Amino acid sequence: MARVKIEHRLGIAAPAHEIWKLVGDLAHWKDWNPLYTEAEGTLAFGAQLKLTLVLPGRKPQVIRPTVESWTPEELIHWRLSMLGGLVRTIRYIEIEKLTDTGCIFSNGEIFDGPLGPLVARSMRGAIRSGFAAMGEAVKTRVEAAWRGQAESPT
């Protein structure tokens, strides 16, 4: 069975721990995240999250994914099953440390199941735009915060 992967990656000029401070704090996603305007739950293996997903050009949708894996300063993975399992996804947010003050932020989803690839292809533009908006929001916030800390006298 074919899988479809949609991803957005970008470089962030800040340490992994600074990115994690923003991304790992689900309760405050509503303050900055254009893709998930509401987020409830805890990052714990097997925990269920409640997220309001807002893709460009589409109505907000509440989803209830299950946390598959998470590692502070590195990744969050969750899985979601829709339409009775006809669409299954693994969503990932990953921080790849390149240097002490530089990382790659990856934000993507793998679609599987009998209808997963079809759904992914039909919504690819909106999904990619949503991932890009989230990535750019992370970059803007984290780099501004990091520059402020790095410039502050100690």
N, C-alpha and C. Protein backbone atom coordinates (compact mmCIF):
# COMPACT_ATOMS: atom_id res chain seq x y z
N MET A 1 0.84 -1.17 0.00
CA MET A 1 0.00 0.00 0.00
C MET A 1 0.89 1.24 0.00
N ALA A 2 0.58 2.20 -0.84
CA ALA A 2 1.37 3.42 -0.97
C ALA A 2 1.10 4.35 0.21
N ARG A 3 2.12 5.06 0.59
CA ARG A 3 2.01 6.10 1.61
C ARG A 3 2.33 7.42 0.95
N VAL A 4 1.78 8.49 1.50
CA VAL A 4 2.08 9.82 1.01
C VAL A 4 2.59 10.64 2.19
N LYS A 5 3.71 11.33 1.95
CA LYS A 5 4.32 12.17 2.98
C LYS A 5 4.27 13.62 2.53
N ILE A 6 3.81 14.48 3.43
CA ILE A 6 3.80 15.92 3.18
C ILE A 6 4.62 16.55 4.30
N GLU A 7 5.58 17.41 3.94
CA GLU A 7 6.49 17.93 4.95
C GLU A 7 6.91 19.36 4.63
N HIS A 8 7.18 20.11 5.68
CA HIS A 8 7.79 21.43 5.57
C HIS A 8 8.98 21.44 6.51
N ARG A 9 10.13 21.91 6.01
CA ARG A 9 11.36 21.99 6.83
C ARG A 9 11.94 23.39 6.68
N LEU A 10 12.51 23.88 7.77
CA LEU A 10 13.22 25.15 7.69
C LEU A 10 14.26 25.23 8.78
N GLY A 11 15.27 26.07 8.54
CA GLY A 11 16.30 26.29 9.53
C GLY A 11 15.88 27.33 10.53
N ILE A 12 16.28 27.11 11.79
CA ILE A 12 16.00 28.07 12.85
C ILE A 12 17.31 28.38 13.56
N ALA A 13 17.63 29.67 13.66
CA ALA A 13 18.86 30.11 14.31
C ALA A 13 18.63 30.28 15.80
N ALA A 14 18.53 29.15 16.48
CA ALA A 14 18.34 29.12 17.94
C ALA A 14 18.61 27.69 18.41
N PRO A 15 18.90 27.52 19.68
CA PRO A 15 19.15 26.17 20.22
C PRO A 15 17.86 25.33 20.27
N ALA A 16 18.04 24.02 20.25
CA ALA A 16 16.90 23.09 20.31
C ALA A 16 16.04 23.33 21.54
N HIS A 17 16.66 23.64 22.67
CA HIS A 17 15.87 23.83 23.90
C HIS A 17 14.95 25.04 23.80
N GLU A 18 15.33 26.04 23.02
CA GLU A 18 14.46 27.21 22.83
C GLU A 18 13.27 26.86 21.95
N ILE A 19 13.50 26.06 20.93
CA ILE A 19 12.39 25.62 20.07
C ILE A 19 11.44 24.75 20.89
N TRP A 20 12.01 23.87 21.71
CA TRP A 20 11.19 22.98 22.52
C TRP A 20 10.33 23.74 23.52
N LYS A 21 10.86 24.83 24.08
CA LYS A 21 10.08 25.63 25.03
C LYS A 21 8.75 26.05 24.41
N LEU A 22 8.78 26.39 23.13
CA LEU A 22 7.56 26.82 22.43
C LEU A 22 6.72 25.61 22.00
N VAL A 23 7.34 24.68 21.32
CA VAL A 23 6.61 23.55 20.72
C VAL A 23 6.10 22.56 21.77
N GLY A 24 6.85 22.37 22.83
CA GLY A 24 6.47 21.40 23.85
C GLY A 24 5.41 21.89 24.82
N ASP A 25 5.04 23.16 24.72
CA ASP A 25 4.05 23.76 25.61
C ASP A 25 2.69 23.83 24.92
N LEU A 26 2.00 22.69 24.87
CA LEU A 26 0.73 22.60 24.15
C LEU A 26 -0.31 23.61 24.63
N ALA A 27 -0.34 23.86 25.91
CA ALA A 27 -1.34 24.76 26.48
C ALA A 27 -1.26 26.17 25.88
N HIS A 28 -0.11 26.55 25.37
CA HIS A 28 0.05 27.89 24.80
C HIS A 28 0.11 27.92 23.28
N TRP A 29 -0.17 26.80 22.63
CA TRP A 29 -0.20 26.81 21.16
C TRP A 29 -1.18 27.85 20.64
N LYS A 30 -2.27 28.04 21.34
CA LYS A 30 -3.30 28.99 20.88
C LYS A 30 -2.75 30.40 20.75
N ASP A 31 -1.65 30.71 21.47
CA ASP A 31 -1.07 32.04 21.45
C ASP A 31 -0.26 32.33 20.19
N TRP A 32 0.15 31.30 19.47
CA TRP A 32 1.04 31.55 18.34
C TRP A 32 0.81 30.65 17.13
N ASN A 33 0.12 29.53 17.30
CA ASN A 33 0.07 28.49 16.27
C ASN A 33 -1.11 28.69 15.31
N PRO A 34 -0.86 29.04 14.05
CA PRO A 34 -1.96 29.25 13.10
C PRO A 34 -2.60 27.94 12.62
N LEU A 35 -1.94 26.81 12.81
CA LEU A 35 -2.45 25.53 12.35
C LEU A 35 -3.31 24.85 13.40
N TYR A 36 -2.90 24.93 14.65
CA TYR A 36 -3.65 24.34 15.77
C TYR A 36 -4.00 25.47 16.72
N THR A 37 -5.21 25.99 16.57
CA THR A 37 -5.60 27.19 17.31
C THR A 37 -6.05 26.87 18.74
N GLU A 38 -6.27 25.65 19.05
CA GLU A 38 -6.56 25.18 20.41
C GLU A 38 -5.86 23.84 20.58
N ALA A 39 -5.29 23.63 21.76
CA ALA A 39 -4.61 22.36 22.03
C ALA A 39 -4.80 22.01 23.50
N GLU A 40 -5.26 20.79 23.74
CA GLU A 40 -5.43 20.29 25.10
C GLU A 40 -4.79 18.92 25.19
N GLY A 41 -4.24 18.64 26.36
CA GLY A 41 -3.65 17.33 26.58
C GLY A 41 -2.23 17.44 27.10
N THR A 42 -1.65 16.29 27.31
CA THR A 42 -0.31 16.20 27.88
C THR A 42 0.55 15.35 26.96
N LEU A 43 1.80 15.74 26.85
CA LEU A 43 2.74 14.92 26.10
C LEU A 43 3.15 13.75 26.98
N ALA A 44 2.53 12.61 26.71
CA ALA A 44 2.82 11.36 27.43
C ALA A 44 2.50 10.22 26.47
N PHE A 45 3.27 9.15 26.56
CA PHE A 45 3.05 8.02 25.66
C PHE A 45 1.62 7.51 25.80
N GLY A 46 0.92 7.41 24.67
CA GLY A 46 -0.45 6.91 24.66
C GLY A 46 -1.51 7.92 25.05
N ALA A 47 -1.12 9.14 25.38
CA ALA A 47 -2.09 10.17 25.79
C ALA A 47 -2.87 10.66 24.58
N GLN A 48 -4.13 10.98 24.81
CA GLN A 48 -4.94 11.55 23.74
C GLN A 48 -4.92 13.07 23.83
N LEU A 49 -4.73 13.70 22.69
CA LEU A 49 -4.76 15.16 22.60
C LEU A 49 -6.08 15.58 21.98
N LYS A 50 -6.46 16.81 22.24
CA LYS A 50 -7.62 17.40 21.57
C LYS A 50 -7.11 18.68 20.92
N LEU A 51 -7.12 18.70 19.58
CA LEU A 51 -6.56 19.81 18.83
C LEU A 51 -7.60 20.36 17.86
N THR A 52 -7.63 21.68 17.72
CA THR A 52 -8.45 22.30 16.70
C THR A 52 -7.53 22.62 15.53
N LEU A 53 -7.74 21.92 14.44
CA LEU A 53 -6.93 22.03 13.23
C LEU A 53 -7.58 23.04 12.28
N VAL A 54 -6.81 24.04 11.85
CA VAL A 54 -7.32 25.05 10.92
C VAL A 54 -6.42 25.08 9.69
N LEU A 55 -6.83 24.37 8.66
CA LEU A 55 -6.10 24.38 7.38
C LEU A 55 -6.59 25.55 6.54
N PRO A 56 -5.70 26.20 5.79
CA PRO A 56 -6.11 27.32 4.95
C PRO A 56 -7.26 26.92 4.01
N GLY A 57 -8.30 27.76 3.99
CA GLY A 57 -9.43 27.54 3.10
C GLY A 57 -10.42 26.48 3.56
N ARG A 58 -10.25 25.96 4.77
CA ARG A 58 -11.14 24.90 5.27
C ARG A 58 -11.69 25.29 6.63
N LYS A 59 -12.80 24.69 7.00
CA LYS A 59 -13.40 24.95 8.31
C LYS A 59 -12.55 24.31 9.40
N PRO A 60 -12.49 24.94 10.59
CA PRO A 60 -11.78 24.32 11.72
C PRO A 60 -12.35 22.93 12.02
N GLN A 61 -11.47 22.03 12.41
CA GLN A 61 -11.85 20.65 12.68
C GLN A 61 -11.18 20.21 13.99
N VAL A 62 -11.95 19.64 14.90
CA VAL A 62 -11.39 19.10 16.13
C VAL A 62 -10.92 17.67 15.85
N ILE A 63 -9.67 17.40 16.18
CA ILE A 63 -9.12 16.05 16.03
C ILE A 63 -8.63 15.57 17.39
N ARG A 64 -8.59 14.26 17.56
CA ARG A 64 -8.18 13.66 18.82
C ARG A 64 -7.10 12.60 18.56
N PRO A 65 -5.89 13.05 18.26
CA PRO A 65 -4.80 12.10 18.00
C PRO A 65 -4.26 11.51 19.31
N THR A 66 -3.51 10.44 19.17
CA THR A 66 -2.86 9.77 20.30
C THR A 66 -1.35 9.95 20.18
N VAL A 67 -0.73 10.38 21.27
CA VAL A 67 0.72 10.58 21.28
C VAL A 67 1.39 9.22 21.12
N GLU A 68 2.19 9.11 20.10
CA GLU A 68 2.92 7.88 19.79
C GLU A 68 4.30 7.89 20.44
N SER A 69 4.95 9.06 20.36
CA SER A 69 6.29 9.19 20.89
C SER A 69 6.60 10.67 21.11
N TRP A 70 7.45 10.95 22.07
CA TRP A 70 7.92 12.31 22.27
C TRP A 70 9.23 12.27 23.03
N THR A 71 10.11 13.15 22.67
CA THR A 71 11.41 13.28 23.32
C THR A 71 11.69 14.77 23.44
N PRO A 72 11.84 15.28 24.66
CA PRO A 72 12.11 16.71 24.82
C PRO A 72 13.30 17.15 23.96
N GLU A 73 13.13 18.31 23.35
CA GLU A 73 14.12 18.95 22.49
C GLU A 73 14.38 18.21 21.18
N GLU A 74 13.56 17.16 20.89
CA GLU A 74 13.77 16.40 19.65
C GLU A 74 12.51 16.19 18.82
N LEU A 75 11.43 15.68 19.43
CA LEU A 75 10.30 15.29 18.59
C LEU A 75 8.99 15.12 19.35
N ILE A 76 7.92 15.25 18.59
CA ILE A 76 6.57 14.85 19.00
C ILE A 76 5.99 14.10 17.81
N HIS A 77 5.48 12.90 18.05
CA HIS A 77 4.80 12.12 17.01
C HIS A 77 3.43 11.75 17.56
N TRP A 78 2.40 11.89 16.73
CA TRP A 78 1.09 11.37 17.13
C TRP A 78 0.46 10.67 15.95
N ARG A 79 -0.50 9.80 16.29
CA ARG A 79 -1.22 9.07 15.24
C ARG A 79 -2.69 9.42 15.31
N LEU A 80 -3.32 9.34 14.17
CA LEU A 80 -4.74 9.67 14.06
C LEU A 80 -5.37 8.71 13.06
N SER A 81 -6.54 8.23 13.40
CA SER A 81 -7.31 7.37 12.51
C SER A 81 -8.64 8.06 12.24
N MET A 82 -9.01 8.16 10.97
CA MET A 82 -10.26 8.82 10.58
C MET A 82 -11.05 7.92 9.63
N LEU A 83 -12.31 8.21 9.52
CA LEU A 83 -13.21 7.48 8.62
C LEU A 83 -13.13 5.97 8.86
N GLY A 84 -13.21 5.60 10.12
CA GLY A 84 -13.21 4.19 10.48
C GLY A 84 -11.91 3.46 10.12
N GLY A 85 -10.80 4.19 10.12
CA GLY A 85 -9.51 3.58 9.79
C GLY A 85 -9.16 3.61 8.32
N LEU A 86 -10.02 4.17 7.49
CA LEU A 86 -9.71 4.27 6.07
C LEU A 86 -8.59 5.27 5.80
N VAL A 87 -8.45 6.24 6.72
CA VAL A 87 -7.36 7.21 6.66
C VAL A 87 -6.62 7.12 7.99
N ARG A 88 -5.33 6.82 7.90
CA ARG A 88 -4.49 6.77 9.09
C ARG A 88 -3.29 7.68 8.85
N THR A 89 -2.92 8.43 9.87
CA THR A 89 -1.79 9.32 9.71
C THR A 89 -0.84 9.24 10.91
N ILE A 90 0.41 9.54 10.63
CA ILE A 90 1.40 9.78 11.67
C ILE A 90 1.86 11.22 11.44
N ARG A 91 1.67 12.05 12.43
CA ARG A 91 2.04 13.47 12.38
C ARG A 91 3.32 13.63 13.16
N TYR A 92 4.26 14.38 12.64
CA TYR A 92 5.51 14.56 13.35
C TYR A 92 5.96 16.01 13.35
N ILE A 93 6.54 16.37 14.47
CA ILE A 93 7.20 17.65 14.66
C ILE A 93 8.58 17.27 15.19
N GLU A 94 9.62 17.64 14.44
CA GLU A 94 10.97 17.20 14.82
C GLU A 94 11.95 18.38 14.81
N ILE A 95 12.86 18.34 15.76
CA ILE A 95 13.90 19.35 15.89
C ILE A 95 15.24 18.62 15.72
N GLU A 96 15.94 18.96 14.65
CA GLU A 96 17.24 18.34 14.38
C GLU A 96 18.34 19.34 14.70
N LYS A 97 19.08 19.07 15.77
CA LYS A 97 20.16 19.97 16.19
C LYS A 97 21.33 19.84 15.22
N LEU A 98 21.73 20.98 14.64
CA LEU A 98 22.89 21.02 13.76
C LEU A 98 24.11 21.56 14.49
N THR A 99 23.88 22.62 15.27
CA THR A 99 24.92 23.25 16.08
C THR A 99 24.29 23.64 17.41
N ASP A 100 25.04 24.26 18.28
CA ASP A 100 24.49 24.71 19.56
C ASP A 100 23.43 25.79 19.37
N THR A 101 23.47 26.51 18.26
CA THR A 101 22.50 27.58 18.03
C THR A 101 21.84 27.50 16.65
N GLY A 102 21.72 26.30 16.12
CA GLY A 102 21.08 26.13 14.82
C GLY A 102 20.44 24.77 14.69
N CYS A 103 19.20 24.76 14.19
CA CYS A 103 18.43 23.51 14.07
C CYS A 103 17.63 23.51 12.77
N ILE A 104 17.22 22.32 12.37
CA ILE A 104 16.22 22.15 11.32
C ILE A 104 14.92 21.78 12.02
N PHE A 105 13.86 22.50 11.69
CA PHE A 105 12.54 22.22 12.24
C PHE A 105 11.72 21.55 11.14
N SER A 106 11.32 20.30 11.38
CA SER A 106 10.52 19.54 10.41
C SER A 106 9.12 19.37 10.97
N ASN A 107 8.17 19.49 10.07
CA ASN A 107 6.78 19.54 10.45
C ASN A 107 6.04 18.80 9.32
N GLY A 108 5.60 17.56 9.59
CA GLY A 108 5.01 16.80 8.50
C GLY A 108 4.04 15.73 8.93
N GLU A 109 3.54 15.01 7.93
CA GLU A 109 2.55 13.96 8.18
C GLU A 109 2.69 12.89 7.11
N ILE A 110 2.53 11.64 7.54
CA ILE A 110 2.55 10.49 6.64
C ILE A 110 1.14 9.92 6.61
N PHE A 111 0.58 9.80 5.42
CA PHE A 111 -0.79 9.31 5.23
C PHE A 111 -0.75 7.87 4.77
N ASP A 112 -1.59 7.04 5.39
CA ASP A 112 -1.64 5.62 5.12
C ASP A 112 -3.10 5.19 5.16
N GLY A 113 -3.34 3.92 4.93
CA GLY A 113 -4.70 3.38 4.95
C GLY A 113 -5.29 3.38 3.55
N PRO A 114 -6.41 2.70 3.36
CA PRO A 114 -6.99 2.59 2.02
C PRO A 114 -7.27 3.92 1.32
N LEU A 115 -7.70 4.95 2.09
CA LEU A 115 -7.99 6.24 1.47
C LEU A 115 -6.98 7.33 1.83
N GLY A 116 -6.00 7.02 2.67
CA GLY A 116 -5.03 8.01 3.13
C GLY A 116 -4.31 8.73 2.00
N PRO A 117 -3.71 8.01 1.06
CA PRO A 117 -3.01 8.69 -0.04
C PRO A 117 -3.92 9.58 -0.89
N LEU A 118 -5.15 9.14 -1.12
CA LEU A 118 -6.10 9.94 -1.90
C LEU A 118 -6.43 11.24 -1.16
N VAL A 119 -6.71 11.14 0.13
CA VAL A 119 -7.01 12.33 0.94
C VAL A 119 -5.80 13.27 0.94
N ALA A 120 -4.60 12.72 1.13
CA ALA A 120 -3.39 13.54 1.16
C ALA A 120 -3.20 14.29 -0.16
N ARG A 121 -3.38 13.60 -1.26
CA ARG A 121 -3.19 14.24 -2.57
C ARG A 121 -4.23 15.34 -2.81
N SER A 122 -5.46 15.09 -2.39
CA SER A 122 -6.52 16.06 -2.63
C SER A 122 -6.38 17.30 -1.76
N MET A 123 -5.72 17.17 -0.61
CA MET A 123 -5.57 18.29 0.33
C MET A 123 -4.12 18.77 0.44
N ARG A 124 -3.26 18.28 -0.42
CA ARG A 124 -1.81 18.56 -0.32
C ARG A 124 -1.50 20.06 -0.18
N GLY A 125 -2.10 20.90 -1.00
CA GLY A 125 -1.80 22.34 -0.97
C GLY A 125 -2.15 22.97 0.36
N ALA A 126 -3.34 22.68 0.86
CA ALA A 126 -3.77 23.24 2.15
C ALA A 126 -2.90 22.72 3.29
N ILE A 127 -2.59 21.44 3.26
CA ILE A 127 -1.77 20.85 4.32
C ILE A 127 -0.37 21.45 4.31
N ARG A 128 0.23 21.51 3.14
CA ARG A 128 1.58 22.08 3.04
C ARG A 128 1.58 23.55 3.48
N SER A 129 0.56 24.32 3.10
CA SER A 129 0.47 25.72 3.52
C SER A 129 0.33 25.83 5.03
N GLY A 130 -0.47 24.94 5.62
CA GLY A 130 -0.63 24.94 7.07
C GLY A 130 0.67 24.61 7.79
N PHE A 131 1.40 23.62 7.28
CA PHE A 131 2.68 23.26 7.87
C PHE A 131 3.68 24.41 7.75
N ALA A 132 3.68 25.07 6.59
CA ALA A 132 4.59 26.20 6.38
C ALA A 132 4.25 27.34 7.34
N ALA A 133 2.96 27.62 7.52
CA ALA A 133 2.56 28.69 8.43
C ALA A 133 2.99 28.38 9.86
N MET A 134 2.84 27.12 10.27
CA MET A 134 3.27 26.73 11.62
C MET A 134 4.79 26.85 11.74
N GLY A 135 5.52 26.35 10.77
CA GLY A 135 6.98 26.43 10.80
C GLY A 135 7.48 27.86 10.86
N GLU A 136 6.90 28.72 10.05
CA GLU A 136 7.31 30.13 10.05
C GLU A 136 6.98 30.80 11.38
N ALA A 137 5.84 30.44 11.98
CA ALA A 137 5.48 31.00 13.29
C ALA A 137 6.49 30.57 14.35
N VAL A 138 6.89 29.30 14.32
CA VAL A 138 7.90 28.81 15.26
C VAL A 138 9.20 29.59 15.06
N LYS A 139 9.64 29.69 13.82
CA LYS A 139 10.90 30.37 13.50
C LYS A 139 10.88 31.82 13.99
N THR A 140 9.82 32.54 13.66
CA THR A 140 9.71 33.95 14.04
C THR A 140 9.76 34.13 15.55
N ARG A 141 8.96 33.36 16.27
CA ARG A 141 8.90 33.50 17.73
C ARG A 141 10.19 33.10 18.40
N VAL A 142 10.71 31.94 18.02
CA VAL A 142 11.90 31.42 18.69
C VAL A 142 13.12 32.29 18.41
N GLU A 143 13.32 32.68 17.16
CA GLU A 143 14.49 33.50 16.85
C GLU A 143 14.42 34.86 17.54
N ALA A 144 13.24 35.46 17.61
CA ALA A 144 13.10 36.74 18.31
C ALA A 144 13.41 36.58 19.80
N ALA A 145 12.88 35.53 20.41
CA ALA A 145 13.13 35.28 21.83
C ALA A 145 14.61 35.01 22.08
N TRP A 146 15.21 34.20 21.21
CA TRP A 146 16.63 33.85 21.39
C TRP A 146 17.53 35.07 21.20
N ARG A 147 17.24 35.88 20.19
CA ARG A 147 18.03 37.11 19.99
C ARG A 147 17.94 38.01 21.21
N GLY A 148 16.75 38.11 21.78
CA GLY A 148 16.55 38.93 22.98
C GLY A 148 17.36 38.43 24.15
N GLN A 149 17.41 37.10 24.33
CA GLN A 149 18.20 36.52 25.42
C GLN A 149 19.68 36.68 25.16
N ALA A 150 20.09 36.44 23.93
CA ALA A 150 21.51 36.47 23.59
C ALA A 150 22.06 37.89 23.71
N GLU A 151 21.21 38.91 23.50
CA GLU A 151 21.66 40.29 23.56
C GLU A 151 21.55 40.87 24.97
N SER A 152 20.81 40.20 25.87
CA SER A 152 20.63 40.71 27.23
C SER A 152 21.91 40.57 28.03
N PRO A 153 22.26 41.61 28.81
CA PRO A 153 23.43 41.47 29.67
C PRO A 153 23.13 40.50 30.80
N THR A 154 24.13 39.72 31.20
CA THR A 154 23.92 38.75 32.28
C THR A 154 24.57 39.20 33.56
